[in-house]
C-alpha atoms as a PDB file:
ATOM      1  CA  MET A   1      63.505 257.398  63.289  1.00  0.00           C
ATOM      2  CA  PRO A   2      66.258 259.960  62.695  1.00  0.00           C
ATOM      3  CA  PRO A   3      67.476 262.007  65.645  1.00  0.00           C
ATOM      4  CA  SER A   4      65.709 265.362  65.868  1.00  0.00           C
ATOM      5  CA  ASP A   5      68.320 267.854  67.037  1.00  0.00           C
ATOM      6  CA  PRO A   6      71.699 268.731  65.463  1.00  0.00           C
ATOM      7  CA  LYS A   7      73.694 267.784  68.572  1.00  0.00           C
ATOM      8  CA  THR A   8      72.138 264.311  68.606  1.00  0.00           C
ATOM      9  CA  ASN A   9      72.634 264.016  64.836  1.00  0.00           C
ATOM     10  CA  ARG A  10      76.323 264.803  65.264  1.00  0.00           C
ATOM     11  CA  TRP A  11      76.713 262.371  68.169  1.00  0.00           C
ATOM     12  CA  PHE A  12      74.965 259.656  66.178  1.00  0.00           C
ATOM     13  CA  ALA A  13      77.114 260.289  63.094  1.00  0.00           C
ATOM     14  CA  ASP A  14      80.341 260.339  65.122  1.00  0.00           C
ATOM     15  CA  GLU A  15      79.703 257.630  67.717  1.00  0.00           C
ATOM     16  CA  MET A  16      77.172 255.158  66.304  1.00  0.00           C
ATOM     17  CA  HIS A  17      77.171 255.198  62.542  1.00  0.00           C
ATOM     18  CA  PRO A  18      80.873 254.284  62.089  1.00  0.00           C
ATOM     19  CA  HIS A  19      80.169 250.928  63.772  1.00  0.00           C
ATOM     20  CA  GLU A  20      77.092 250.011  61.741  1.00  0.00           C
ATOM     21  CA  SER A  21      78.793 247.606  59.324  1.00  0.00           C
ATOM     22  CA  GLU A  22      80.542 245.798  62.187  1.00  0.00           C
ATOM     23  CA  LEU A  23      77.249 245.706  64.110  1.00  0.00           C
ATOM     24  CA  ARG A  24      75.405 244.246  61.121  1.00  0.00           C
ATOM     25  CA  ALA A  25      78.091 241.577  60.656  1.00  0.00           C
ATOM     26  CA  TYR A  26      77.849 240.662  64.344  1.00  0.00           C
ATOM     27  CA  LEU A  27      74.033 240.471  64.205  1.00  0.00           C
ATOM     28  CA  ARG A  28      74.081 238.426  60.978  1.00  0.00           C
ATOM     29  CA  ALA A  29      76.491 235.956  62.567  1.00  0.00           C
ATOM     30  CA  LYS A  30      74.433 235.612  65.735  1.00  0.00           C
ATOM     31  CA  PHE A  31      70.791 236.120  64.765  1.00  0.00           C
ATOM     32  CA  SER A  32      70.230 236.148  60.985  1.00  0.00           C
ATOM     33  CA  ALA A  33      68.414 232.803  60.974  1.00  0.00           C
ATOM     34  CA  HIS A  34      65.682 234.204  63.193  1.00  0.00           C
ATOM     35  CA  LEU A  35      65.541 237.979  62.912  1.00  0.00           C
ATOM     36  CA  ASP A  36      65.347 240.727  60.328  1.00  0.00           C
ATOM     37  CA  ILE A  37      68.691 242.478  60.783  1.00  0.00           C
ATOM     38  CA  ASP A  38      67.424 245.829  59.461  1.00  0.00           C
ATOM     39  CA  ASP A  39      64.610 245.844  62.019  1.00  0.00           C
ATOM     40  CA  LEU A  40      67.014 244.852  64.765  1.00  0.00           C
ATOM     41  CA  VAL A  41      69.447 247.655  63.888  1.00  0.00           C
ATOM     42  CA  GLN A  42      66.597 250.177  63.914  1.00  0.00           C
ATOM     43  CA  GLU A  43      65.351 248.878  67.269  1.00  0.00           C
ATOM     44  CA  THR A  44      68.898 249.188  68.623  1.00  0.00           C
ATOM     45  CA  TYR A  45      69.222 252.774  67.422  1.00  0.00           C
ATOM     46  CA  ALA A  46      65.844 253.662  68.907  1.00  0.00           C
ATOM     47  CA  ARG A  47      66.885 252.248  72.275  1.00  0.00           C
ATOM     48  CA  LEU A  48      70.210 254.092  72.150  1.00  0.00           C
ATOM     49  CA  LEU A  49      68.561 257.417  71.388  1.00  0.00           C
ATOM     50  CA  GLN A  50      66.105 256.860  74.216  1.00  0.00           C
ATOM     51  CA  ALA A  51      68.906 255.911  76.629  1.00  0.00           C
ATOM     52  CA  ARG A  52      70.920 258.948  75.577  1.00  0.00           C
ATOM     53  CA  GLU A  53      68.023 261.191  76.570  1.00  0.00           C
ATOM     54  CA  GLN A  54      68.333 259.790  80.095  1.00  0.00           C
ATOM     55  CA  ALA A  55      72.108 260.126  80.479  1.00  0.00           C
ATOM     56  CA  PRO A  56      75.237 260.557  78.359  1.00  0.00           C
ATOM     57  CA  LEU A  57      76.685 257.362  76.914  1.00  0.00           C
ATOM     58  CA  ARG A  58      80.438 257.164  77.361  1.00  0.00           C
ATOM     59  CA  SER A  59      81.346 253.802  75.840  1.00  0.00           C
ATOM     60  CA  ALA A  60      79.250 254.180  72.727  1.00  0.00           C
ATOM     61  CA  LYS A  61      80.552 251.168  70.788  1.00  0.00           C
ATOM     62  CA  ALA A  62      80.236 248.757  73.698  1.00  0.00           C
ATOM     63  CA  TYR A  63      76.811 250.164  74.511  1.00  0.00           C
ATOM     64  CA  LEU A  64      75.771 249.746  70.855  1.00  0.00           C
ATOM     65  CA  PHE A  65      76.664 246.056  70.713  1.00  0.00           C
ATOM     66  CA  THR A  66      75.215 245.242  74.109  1.00  0.00           C
ATOM     67  CA  THR A  67      71.982 247.048  73.292  1.00  0.00           C
ATOM     68  CA  ALA A  68      71.713 245.184  69.969  1.00  0.00           C
ATOM     69  CA  ARG A  69      72.251 241.839  71.671  1.00  0.00           C
ATOM     70  CA  ASN A  70      69.658 242.648  74.332  1.00  0.00           C
ATOM     71  CA  ALA A  71      67.169 243.837  71.719  1.00  0.00           C
ATOM     72  CA  ALA A  72      67.641 240.577  69.794  1.00  0.00           C
ATOM     73  CA  PHE A  73      67.064 238.517  72.930  1.00  0.00           C
ATOM     74  CA  ASP A  74      63.942 240.542  73.728  1.00  0.00           C
ATOM     75  CA  ILE A  75      62.550 239.994  70.238  1.00  0.00           C
ATOM     76  CA  LEU A  76      63.357 236.284  70.374  1.00  0.00           C
ATOM     77  CA  ARG A  77      61.658 235.968  73.744  1.00  0.00           C
ATOM     78  CA  ARG A  78      58.563 237.752  72.476  1.00  0.00           C
ATOM     79  CA  ARG A  79      58.341 235.545  69.409  1.00  0.00           C
ATOM     80  CA  LYS A  80      59.142 232.315  71.243  1.00  0.00           C
ATOM     81  CA  ILE A  81      61.054 231.323  68.132  1.00  0.00           C
ATOM     82  CA  ILE A  82      62.011 227.761  68.925  1.00  0.00           C
ATOM     83  CA  ALA A  83      59.848 225.553  66.745  1.00  0.00           C
ATOM     84  CA  ILE A  84      59.444 221.800  67.061  1.00  0.00           C
ATOM     85  CA  GLU A  85      61.561 221.104  63.992  1.00  0.00           C
ATOM     86  CA  GLY A  86      64.318 223.291  65.429  1.00  0.00           C
ATOM     87  CA  ILE A  87      64.672 221.268  68.613  1.00  0.00           C
ATOM     88  CA  ALA A  88      67.038 218.797  66.922  1.00  0.00           C
ATOM     89  CA  GLU A  89      69.292 221.730  66.023  1.00  0.00           C
ATOM     90  CA  ILE A  90      69.195 223.433  69.401  1.00  0.00           C
ATOM     91  CA  ASP A  91      73.001 223.569  69.608  1.00  0.00           C
ATOM     92  CA  LEU A  92      73.033 225.636  66.427  1.00  0.00           C
ATOM     93  CA  LEU A  93      70.750 228.371  67.795  1.00  0.00           C
ATOM     94  CA  PRO A  94      72.717 231.572  68.322  1.00  0.00           C
ATOM     95  CA  VAL A  95      71.011 232.268  71.625  1.00  0.00           C
ATOM     96  CA  PHE A  96      72.751 229.273  73.167  1.00  0.00           C
ATOM     97  CA  ASP A  97      76.198 229.976  71.749  1.00  0.00           C
ATOM     98  CA  ASP A  98      78.403 230.451  74.797  1.00  0.00           C
ATOM     99  CA  ARG A  99      81.470 231.422  72.816  1.00  0.00           C
ATOM    100  CA  PRO A 100      81.898 235.182  72.711  1.00  0.00           C
ATOM    101  CA  GLY A 101      82.137 236.794  69.314  1.00  0.00           C
ATOM    102  CA  ILE A 102      84.644 239.473  68.413  1.00  0.00           C
ATOM    103  CA  ALA A 103      82.284 242.271  69.373  1.00  0.00           C
ATOM    104  CA  GLU A 104      81.385 240.675  72.695  1.00  0.00           C
ATOM    105  CA  SER A 105      85.046 240.060  73.456  1.00  0.00           C
ATOM    106  CA  ALA A 106      85.837 243.670  72.649  1.00  0.00           C
ATOM    107  CA  CYS A 107      83.005 244.832  74.912  1.00  0.00           C
ATOM    108  CA  HIS A 108      84.203 242.547  77.695  1.00  0.00           C
ATOM    109  CA  ASP A 109      87.808 243.716  77.318  1.00  0.00           C
ATOM    110  CA  HIS A 110      86.648 247.320  77.408  1.00  0.00           C
ATOM    111  CA  GLU A 111      84.605 246.670  80.553  1.00  0.00           C
ATOM    112  CA  LEU A 112      87.611 245.032  82.233  1.00  0.00           C
ATOM    113  CA  GLN A 113      89.793 248.006  81.317  1.00  0.00           C
ATOM    114  CA  LEU A 114      87.231 250.380  82.803  1.00  0.00           C
ATOM    115  CA  LEU A 115      87.047 248.264  85.959  1.00  0.00           C
ATOM    116  CA  ALA A 116      90.835 248.323  86.306  1.00  0.00           C
ATOM    117  CA  GLU A 117      90.798 252.120  85.888  1.00  0.00           C
ATOM    118  CA  ALA A 118      87.990 252.384  88.454  1.00  0.00           C
ATOM    119  CA  ILE A 119      89.947 250.298  90.971  1.00  0.00           C
ATOM    120  CA  GLN A 120      93.076 252.416  90.417  1.00  0.00           C
ATOM    121  CA  ALA A 121      91.014 255.576  91.032  1.00  0.00           C
ATOM    122  CA  LEU A 122      90.058 254.395  94.545  1.00  0.00           C
ATOM    123  CA  PRO A 123      91.888 255.748  97.593  1.00  0.00           C
ATOM    124  CA  GLU A 124      94.811 253.528  98.634  1.00  0.00           C
ATOM    125  CA  ARG A 125      93.261 251.888 101.706  1.00  0.00           C
ATOM    126  CA  CYS A 126      89.936 251.336  99.977  1.00  0.00           C
ATOM    127  CA  ARG A 127      91.704 249.786  96.963  1.00  0.00           C
ATOM    128  CA  ARG A 128      93.767 247.469  99.190  1.00  0.00           C
ATOM    129  CA  VAL A 129      90.713 246.318 101.173  1.00  0.00           C
ATOM    130  CA  LEU A 130      88.652 245.672  98.044  1.00  0.00           C
ATOM    131  CA  THR A 131      91.514 243.869  96.334  1.00  0.00           C
ATOM    132  CA  LEU A 132      92.091 241.605  99.308  1.00  0.00           C
ATOM    133  CA  ARG A 133      88.378 240.837  99.610  1.00  0.00           C
ATOM    134  CA  LYS A 134      87.249 240.542  95.998  1.00  0.00           C
ATOM    135  CA  LEU A 135      90.377 239.377  94.193  1.00  0.00           C
ATOM    136  CA  HIS A 136      92.219 237.406  96.863  1.00  0.00           C
ATOM    137  CA  GLY A 137      89.116 236.122  98.674  1.00  0.00           C
ATOM    138  CA  LEU A 138      90.192 237.096 102.188  1.00  0.00           C
ATOM    139  CA  SER A 139      87.406 237.224 104.768  1.00  0.00           C
ATOM    140  CA  HIS A 140      86.272 240.320 106.653  1.00  0.00           C
ATOM    141  CA  ARG A 141      88.195 238.967 109.660  1.00  0.00           C
ATOM    142  CA  GLU A 142      91.431 238.211 107.780  1.00  0.00           C
ATOM    143  CA  ILE A 143      91.729 241.651 106.166  1.00  0.00           C
ATOM    144  CA  PRO A 144      92.028 243.630 109.445  1.00  0.00           C
ATOM    145  CA  GLN A 145      94.738 241.250 110.611  1.00  0.00           C
ATOM    146  CA  GLN A 146      96.718 241.765 107.420  1.00  0.00           C
ATOM    147  CA  LEU A 147      96.279 245.544 107.236  1.00  0.00           C
ATOM    148  CA  GLY A 148      96.190 246.359 110.949  1.00  0.00           C
ATOM    149  CA  ILE A 149      92.791 248.072 110.822  1.00  0.00           C
ATOM    150  CA  ALA A 150      89.446 247.491 112.546  1.00  0.00           C
ATOM    151  CA  GLU A 151      86.882 245.091 111.110  1.00  0.00           C
ATOM    152  CA  ASN A 152      84.336 247.947 110.977  1.00  0.00           C
ATOM    153  CA  THR A 153      86.804 249.876 108.825  1.00  0.00           C
ATOM    154  CA  VAL A 154      86.968 246.935 106.438  1.00  0.00           C
ATOM    155  CA  ASN A 155      83.169 246.903 106.134  1.00  0.00           C
ATOM    156  CA  ALA A 156      83.056 250.653 105.567  1.00  0.00           C
ATOM    157  CA  GLN A 157      85.876 250.576 102.990  1.00  0.00           C
ATOM    158  CA  ILE A 158      84.195 247.775 101.043  1.00  0.00           C
ATOM    159  CA  ALA A 159      80.900 249.673 100.984  1.00  0.00           C
ATOM    160  CA  ILE A 160      82.613 252.899  99.922  1.00  0.00           C
ATOM    161  CA  GLY A 161      84.680 251.086  97.299  1.00  0.00           C
ATOM    162  CA  VAL A 162      81.716 249.288  95.754  1.00  0.00           C
ATOM    163  CA  LEU A 163      79.732 252.538  95.550  1.00  0.00           C
ATOM    164  CA  ARG A 164      82.652 254.413  94.005  1.00  0.00           C
ATOM    165  CA  LEU A 165      83.245 251.627  91.480  1.00  0.00           C
ATOM    166  CA  ARG A 166      79.562 251.624  90.572  1.00  0.00           C
ATOM    167  CA  ASP A 167      79.533 255.412  90.116  1.00  0.00           C
ATOM    168  CA  TYR A 168      82.754 255.336  88.082  1.00  0.00           C
ATOM    169  CA  LEU A 169      81.390 252.669  85.738  1.00  0.00           C
ATOM    170  CA  ARG A 170      77.962 254.291  85.436  1.00  0.00           C
ATOM    171  CA  ALA A 171      79.587 257.581  84.522  1.00  0.00           C
ATOM    172  CA  ARG A 172      81.215 255.738  81.619  1.00  0.00           C
ATOM    173  CA  GLY A 173      78.019 254.047  80.411  1.00  0.00           C
ATOM    174  CA  VAL A 174      78.451 250.685  82.125  1.00  0.00           C
ATOM    175  CA  THR A 175      75.547 249.502  84.257  1.00  0.00           C
ATOM    176  CA  LYS A 176      74.528 246.342  86.087  1.00  0.00           C
ATOM    177  CA  GLY A 177      74.896 243.300  83.885  1.00  0.00           C
ATOM    178  CA  GLY A 178      77.430 244.913  81.736  1.00  0.00           C
ATOM    179  CA  LEU A 179      76.812 247.431  78.960  1.00  0.00           C
ATOM    180  CA  PRO A 180      74.383 249.349  79.089  1.00  0.00           C
END
């Protein structure tokens, strides 16, 4: 299913197509024993084009790999691929491989970089409150003591910070559960 308009064609050629060989290598390494890679790539592209109609995709490469992985898992779930003879080799199934591949590591690193940028973009007090709560594990009662602010201010700053982080990441194509 080729994109229909020139702007989408250009976006696809610039943002998606350059990563196709790397995507195919990733999918072959993870899913080739159970899935047709050509079909999986096409399903991934279809999902990306559909998602792009909803909102712009900022982190195209990370979105591409995450969408491909999710599409593979969806197909595997639908097929219920695990056969009786495969039970003995369950550790070899790519679905259960906990080690991240190069593409997944790159996606994760990119997501962490975006999160760091999002945290730095927060106002100073909001950033300090969120850092103390989420990174240092201080309680809602310990933070006001350390910063000399009211506990209600801590609650408000955490809520504001989480919403701003969410909006920052969404604007760059990262959604709940990672990319997309």
